[in-house]
Amino acid sequence: MSRVVAVTGATGALGRRVLQRLSAAEPDDVSLRLIVRDPARAPHVRGASPVVVANPGGYRDGEGLREALRGVHTLYLVSASETEDRVRQHLTAVAAAAAAGVQRIVYTSFVGADRPEPTFTLARHHAATEAAIRSIGLRHTFLRHSMYADFVPFLATLEDGGAVIAAPAGKGRTGFVSRDDLADVATAVLLRDDGTLDGQALDVTGPEALTLAEAARVLADVTGIPAEYRPQTVEEAWATRRPSGHPDWEIEGWVTSYLAIAAGELATVTDVVPRLTGHAARTVGEHLRAHPEDWAHLR
């Protein structure tokens, strides 16, 4: 009998990639289920069962999610978007998975979630979610992602025809990773059900760790748009982001992500991508060249 693999976040950049790869692999022993809030946005993926909708509450809707997960063997749990109640959403999703009889969870976490006191506030959210998954006793694998290579252009703002990455990251480094590679790794993990990855937490990174000054140079090289890194103090970082109108908890997440870079907490580089996928991890430059849509807003 086929084991059912459910993919959450199926309409998002990562979940959609994973679904496409799982479908293309055409495994004989796996059937796919899409967990989405809006069926109109659900991708049409060959080999996927009819869309199961967790109603507009998403991860907040424990009962709806529990019903959507009945009969699922493995759950690919993509972390929720950044909201003030993100941890509560995750804990509701984990409890729903356990109640539905899910046997295995593959969760998208973040590098540094295992630190006693991560600088990046959102890494603490991942730590709490990891702890909840461990506590229910299900088989699990944590994929601790580094910062997305896709994000490099979005760290920049346009000033006088050039792109400026202004942040309190000092000379710290980040193992930026392509979401293409994250999807390849997730696919390999989801298709492997021999227990060898159970209980493991895998740091999934790119092939090199870049400073933001180096990332800006890569951005300029790929796009042809002048780009630079401009160091900020913490006070400057808050002052330049407050006019955005975003709430303080969100701005704190942005600022502490840079402080985590400065502290060296995102400098990890591992061989997880080549080891699990059989191909080299993509550099930031390779990713951006393959995805000009990621930097179209800078043109």
Protein backbone atom coordinates (compact mmCIF):
# COMPACT_ATOMS: atom_id res chain seq x y z
CA MET A 1 0.00 0.00 0.00
CA SER A 2 1.27 3.49 -0.86
CA ARG A 3 2.24 5.72 2.01
CA VAL A 4 0.67 9.15 1.82
CA VAL A 5 3.04 12.13 1.94
CA ALA A 6 1.31 15.41 2.75
CA VAL A 7 2.92 18.71 1.79
CA THR A 8 1.91 21.91 3.56
CA GLY A 9 2.59 25.30 2.07
CA ALA A 10 1.82 23.75 -1.32
CA THR A 11 1.10 27.15 -2.88
CA GLY A 12 4.33 28.69 -1.59
CA ALA A 13 7.76 28.96 -3.17
CA LEU A 14 9.19 26.02 -1.25
CA GLY A 15 6.19 23.69 -0.99
CA ARG A 16 5.44 24.05 -4.70
CA ARG A 17 9.00 23.13 -5.59
CA VAL A 18 8.86 20.06 -3.36
CA LEU A 19 5.57 18.91 -4.88
CA GLN A 20 6.95 19.24 -8.40
CA ARG A 21 9.99 17.16 -7.52
CA LEU A 22 8.03 14.49 -5.71
CA SER A 23 5.65 14.21 -8.65
CA ALA A 24 8.49 14.02 -11.17
CA ALA A 25 10.14 11.23 -9.16
CA GLU A 26 7.01 9.09 -9.64
CA PRO A 27 7.70 6.82 -6.66
CA ASP A 28 5.64 3.63 -6.72
CA ASP A 29 5.12 3.56 -2.97
CA VAL A 30 4.09 7.20 -2.40
CA SER A 31 0.89 9.14 -3.03
CA LEU A 32 0.79 12.88 -2.54
CA ARG A 33 -1.65 15.10 -0.70
CA LEU A 34 -1.69 18.89 -0.88
CA ILE A 35 -2.59 20.80 2.28
CA VAL A 36 -3.71 24.29 1.29
CA ARG A 37 -6.04 27.00 2.50
CA ASP A 38 -7.18 28.26 -0.90
CA PRO A 39 -8.00 25.47 -3.39
CA ALA A 40 -8.11 28.01 -6.22
CA ARG A 41 -4.38 28.60 -5.77
CA ALA A 42 -3.45 24.93 -5.44
CA PRO A 43 -0.95 23.76 -8.06
CA HIS A 44 -1.99 21.02 -10.45
CA VAL A 45 0.55 18.31 -9.78
CA ARG A 46 0.52 14.96 -11.50
CA GLY A 47 0.11 12.12 -9.06
CA ALA A 48 -1.31 14.27 -6.26
CA SER A 49 -4.59 13.31 -4.65
CA PRO A 50 -7.47 15.80 -4.63
CA VAL A 51 -6.65 18.93 -2.64
CA VAL A 52 -7.50 18.68 1.03
CA VAL A 53 -8.25 22.09 2.49
CA ALA A 54 -7.35 23.19 5.98
CA ASN A 55 -9.88 26.01 6.16
CA PRO A 56 -8.84 29.69 6.14
CA GLY A 57 -7.51 29.35 9.67
CA GLY A 58 -4.59 27.31 8.33
CA TYR A 59 -2.40 26.01 11.14
CA ARG A 60 -4.66 27.80 13.61
CA ASP A 61 -7.48 25.39 12.73
CA GLY A 62 -6.49 22.28 14.64
CA GLU A 63 -9.69 20.39 13.91
CA GLY A 64 -9.63 21.13 10.19
CA LEU A 65 -5.97 20.24 9.92
CA ARG A 66 -6.49 17.02 11.84
CA GLU A 67 -9.15 15.94 9.34
CA ALA A 68 -6.93 16.95 6.42
CA LEU A 69 -4.12 14.76 7.77
CA ARG A 70 -6.07 11.57 8.41
CA GLY A 71 -4.42 8.68 6.63
CA VAL A 72 -1.15 10.59 6.13
CA HIS A 73 2.06 8.71 6.82
CA THR A 74 4.63 11.51 6.41
CA LEU A 75 3.99 15.21 6.88
CA TYR A 76 6.25 17.83 5.30
CA LEU A 77 5.57 20.67 7.73
CA VAL A 78 6.64 23.99 6.23
CA SER A 79 6.97 26.60 8.94
CA ALA A 80 4.21 29.20 9.01
CA SER A 81 4.67 32.70 7.70
CA GLU A 82 5.98 35.24 10.18
CA THR A 83 3.15 36.15 12.51
CA GLU A 84 2.98 37.05 16.18
CA ASP A 85 1.29 33.73 17.02
CA ARG A 86 3.60 31.60 14.88
CA VAL A 87 4.69 29.28 17.70
CA ARG A 88 1.08 28.66 18.73
CA GLN A 89 0.23 27.83 15.11
CA HIS A 90 3.09 25.35 14.93
CA LEU A 91 2.11 23.67 18.19
CA THR A 92 -1.48 23.36 16.96
CA ALA A 93 -0.24 21.76 13.73
CA VAL A 94 1.98 19.30 15.59
CA ALA A 95 -0.84 18.29 17.92
CA ALA A 96 -3.18 17.86 14.93
CA ALA A 97 -0.65 15.63 13.18
CA ALA A 98 -0.33 13.42 16.24
CA ALA A 99 -4.09 13.20 16.68
CA ALA A 100 -4.55 12.31 13.00
CA GLY A 101 -2.16 9.38 13.26
CA VAL A 102 0.72 10.84 11.23
CA GLN A 103 3.78 8.65 11.71
CA ARG A 104 6.58 10.94 10.60
CA ILE A 105 7.19 14.71 10.43
CA VAL A 106 9.81 16.45 8.30
CA TYR A 107 9.92 20.01 9.60
CA THR A 108 11.55 23.08 8.03
CA SER A 109 13.54 24.67 10.85
CA PHE A 110 16.43 27.14 10.89
CA VAL A 111 20.16 26.95 11.54
CA GLY A 112 20.97 27.81 15.13
CA ALA A 113 17.67 26.52 16.52
CA ASP A 114 19.73 24.23 18.75
CA ARG A 115 21.55 27.13 20.42
CA PRO A 116 20.65 27.78 24.07
CA GLU A 117 19.72 31.40 23.31
CA PRO A 118 19.64 32.13 19.56
CA THR A 119 20.11 35.79 18.70
CA PHE A 120 17.55 35.59 15.90
CA THR A 121 14.11 35.69 17.49
CA LEU A 122 12.55 33.46 14.84
CA ALA A 123 15.14 30.76 15.49
CA ARG A 124 13.63 30.56 18.97
CA HIS A 125 10.26 29.83 17.37
CA HIS A 126 11.83 26.91 15.54
CA ALA A 127 13.45 25.66 18.73
CA ALA A 128 10.06 25.59 20.45
CA THR A 129 8.52 23.73 17.52
CA GLU A 130 11.34 21.18 17.44
CA ALA A 131 10.83 20.57 21.16
CA ALA A 132 7.10 20.01 20.62
CA ILE A 133 7.73 17.50 17.84
CA ARG A 134 10.22 15.60 19.98
CA SER A 135 7.79 15.54 22.90
CA ILE A 136 5.05 13.71 20.99
CA GLY A 137 7.39 10.87 20.12
CA LEU A 138 6.79 10.71 16.37
CA ARG A 139 9.53 9.88 13.91
CA HIS A 140 11.00 13.16 12.73
CA THR A 141 13.73 14.90 10.77
CA PHE A 142 14.48 18.59 11.14
CA LEU A 143 15.78 20.45 8.09
CA ARG A 144 17.48 23.51 9.54
CA HIS A 145 17.68 25.91 6.63
CA SER A 146 20.16 28.71 6.34
CA MET A 147 18.98 32.08 5.04
CA TYR A 148 17.60 31.84 1.52
CA ALA A 149 19.82 32.92 -1.37
CA ASP A 150 16.56 34.24 -2.84
CA PHE A 151 16.46 36.86 -0.09
CA VAL A 152 19.68 38.64 -1.05
CA PRO A 153 17.94 41.01 -3.53
CA PHE A 154 15.17 41.66 -1.00
CA LEU A 155 17.68 42.75 1.62
CA ALA A 156 18.49 45.69 -0.64
CA THR A 157 16.73 48.98 -1.24
CA LEU A 158 17.20 51.21 -4.27
CA GLU A 159 19.02 54.49 -3.76
CA ASP A 160 20.07 56.74 -6.65
CA GLY A 161 19.99 53.91 -9.16
CA GLY A 162 21.93 51.51 -6.95
CA ALA A 163 21.06 48.79 -4.47
CA VAL A 164 22.04 49.21 -0.83
CA ILE A 165 21.99 46.49 1.83
CA ALA A 166 21.94 48.50 5.07
CA ALA A 167 22.11 46.34 8.19
CA PRO A 168 23.91 45.72 11.51
CA ALA A 169 25.54 42.49 10.29
CA GLY A 170 29.17 43.60 10.64
CA LYS A 171 31.55 41.25 8.86
CA GLY A 172 29.60 38.14 9.79
CA ARG A 173 28.96 35.45 7.21
CA THR A 174 25.91 33.55 6.04
CA GLY A 175 25.71 30.18 4.27
CA PHE A 176 22.98 31.40 1.91
CA VAL A 177 21.11 28.45 0.38
CA SER A 178 18.97 28.23 -2.74
CA ARG A 179 15.36 27.17 -2.28
CA ASP A 180 15.95 24.88 -5.25
CA ASP A 181 18.47 22.99 -3.14
CA LEU A 182 16.19 23.01 -0.12
CA ALA A 183 13.48 21.41 -2.25
CA ASP A 184 15.91 18.80 -3.57
CA VAL A 185 16.98 17.90 -0.04
CA ALA A 186 13.39 17.77 1.22
CA THR A 187 12.44 15.47 -1.66
CA ALA A 188 15.31 13.12 -0.90
CA VAL A 189 14.37 13.02 2.79
CA LEU A 190 10.65 12.51 2.13
CA LEU A 191 11.29 9.66 -0.28
CA ARG A 192 13.70 7.92 2.07
CA ASP A 193 11.75 5.98 4.67
CA ASP A 194 14.37 3.55 5.93
CA GLY A 195 14.74 5.23 9.32
CA THR A 196 18.32 6.38 8.73
CA LEU A 197 17.35 10.04 9.04
CA ASP A 198 15.02 9.64 12.00
CA GLY A 199 15.86 11.95 14.89
CA GLN A 200 18.38 13.89 12.85
CA ALA A 201 18.64 17.68 12.55
CA LEU A 202 20.35 18.61 9.29
CA ASP A 203 21.82 22.06 8.69
CA VAL A 204 21.07 22.74 5.02
CA THR A 205 23.32 25.45 3.60
CA GLY A 206 24.89 26.75 0.46
CA PRO A 207 28.49 25.89 -0.55
CA GLU A 208 30.05 29.03 0.96
CA ALA A 209 29.46 31.62 3.64
CA LEU A 210 29.37 35.21 2.42
CA THR A 211 29.52 38.53 4.20
CA LEU A 212 26.81 40.97 3.17
CA ALA A 213 29.48 43.02 1.40
CA GLU A 214 30.35 39.93 -0.67
CA ALA A 215 26.67 39.19 -1.25
CA ALA A 216 26.19 42.75 -2.53
CA ARG A 217 29.08 42.27 -4.98
CA VAL A 218 27.47 39.05 -6.26
CA LEU A 219 24.17 40.89 -6.65
CA ALA A 220 25.87 43.64 -8.66
CA ASP A 221 27.68 41.12 -10.84
CA VAL A 222 24.51 39.21 -11.68
CA THR A 223 22.14 42.14 -12.14
CA GLY A 224 24.45 44.80 -13.54
CA ILE A 225 23.05 47.17 -10.91
CA PRO A 226 25.57 48.83 -8.58
CA ALA A 227 25.18 47.34 -5.10
CA GLU A 228 26.87 47.86 -1.76
CA TYR A 229 26.65 46.90 1.88
CA ARG A 230 26.28 49.75 4.36
CA PRO A 231 26.88 48.82 8.03
CA GLN A 232 24.36 50.14 10.55
CA THR A 233 24.16 50.33 14.30
CA VAL A 234 21.23 48.59 15.98
CA GLU A 235 19.66 51.99 16.61
CA GLU A 236 19.99 52.93 12.95
CA ALA A 237 18.51 49.61 11.89
CA TRP A 238 15.41 50.20 14.01
CA ALA A 239 15.10 53.85 12.95
CA THR A 240 15.23 53.05 9.22
CA ARG A 241 12.71 50.21 9.51
CA ARG A 242 10.12 51.76 11.81
CA PRO A 243 8.67 54.00 9.06
CA SER A 244 7.60 50.82 7.24
CA GLY A 245 4.67 50.59 9.63
CA HIS A 246 5.39 46.96 10.48
CA PRO A 247 4.88 45.92 14.12
CA ASP A 248 7.81 45.87 16.53
CA TRP A 249 7.89 42.07 16.79
CA GLU A 250 8.43 41.86 13.03
CA ILE A 251 11.09 44.56 12.95
CA GLU A 252 12.82 42.81 15.85
CA GLY A 253 12.92 39.67 13.72
CA TRP A 254 14.55 41.54 10.85
CA VAL A 255 17.10 43.28 13.04
CA THR A 256 18.01 40.20 15.08
CA SER A 257 18.56 38.18 11.89
CA TYR A 258 21.37 40.61 11.05
CA LEU A 259 22.69 40.51 14.60
CA ALA A 260 22.81 36.71 14.35
CA ILE A 261 24.92 37.11 11.21
CA ALA A 262 27.23 39.51 13.05
CA ALA A 263 27.55 37.01 15.91
CA GLY A 264 28.63 34.26 13.51
CA GLU A 265 25.51 32.17 14.11
CA LEU A 266 24.67 31.80 10.40
CA ALA A 267 28.16 31.07 9.10
CA THR A 268 27.64 27.30 9.02
CA VAL A 269 28.48 25.50 5.77
CA THR A 270 27.69 21.78 5.45
CA ASP A 271 27.75 19.02 2.83
CA VAL A 272 24.08 18.12 3.33
CA VAL A 273 23.01 19.24 -0.16
CA PRO A 274 25.58 17.21 -2.12
CA ARG A 275 25.37 14.28 0.29
CA LEU A 276 21.61 13.87 -0.02
CA THR A 277 21.02 15.07 -3.58
CA GLY A 278 24.14 13.99 -5.45
CA HIS A 279 24.80 17.46 -6.86
CA ALA A 280 26.75 20.47 -5.64
CA ALA A 281 24.94 23.17 -3.73
CA ARG A 282 24.20 26.27 -5.79
CA THR A 283 26.04 29.49 -5.03
CA VAL A 284 24.14 32.75 -4.57
CA GLY A 285 25.27 33.83 -8.02
CA GLU A 286 24.10 30.59 -9.63
CA HIS A 287 20.72 30.87 -7.96
CA LEU A 288 20.18 34.50 -8.98
CA ARG A 289 21.20 33.82 -12.57
CA ALA A 290 18.67 30.99 -12.71
CA HIS A 291 15.93 33.12 -11.13
CA PRO A 292 15.91 36.68 -12.49
CA GLU A 293 12.39 37.04 -11.09
CA ASP A 294 13.99 37.24 -7.65
CA TRP A 295 15.65 40.55 -8.49
CA ALA A 296 13.21 41.97 -11.06
CA HIS A 297 12.06 44.56 -8.51
CA LEU A 298 15.53 46.15 -8.60
CA ARG A 299 15.45 46.87 -12.34
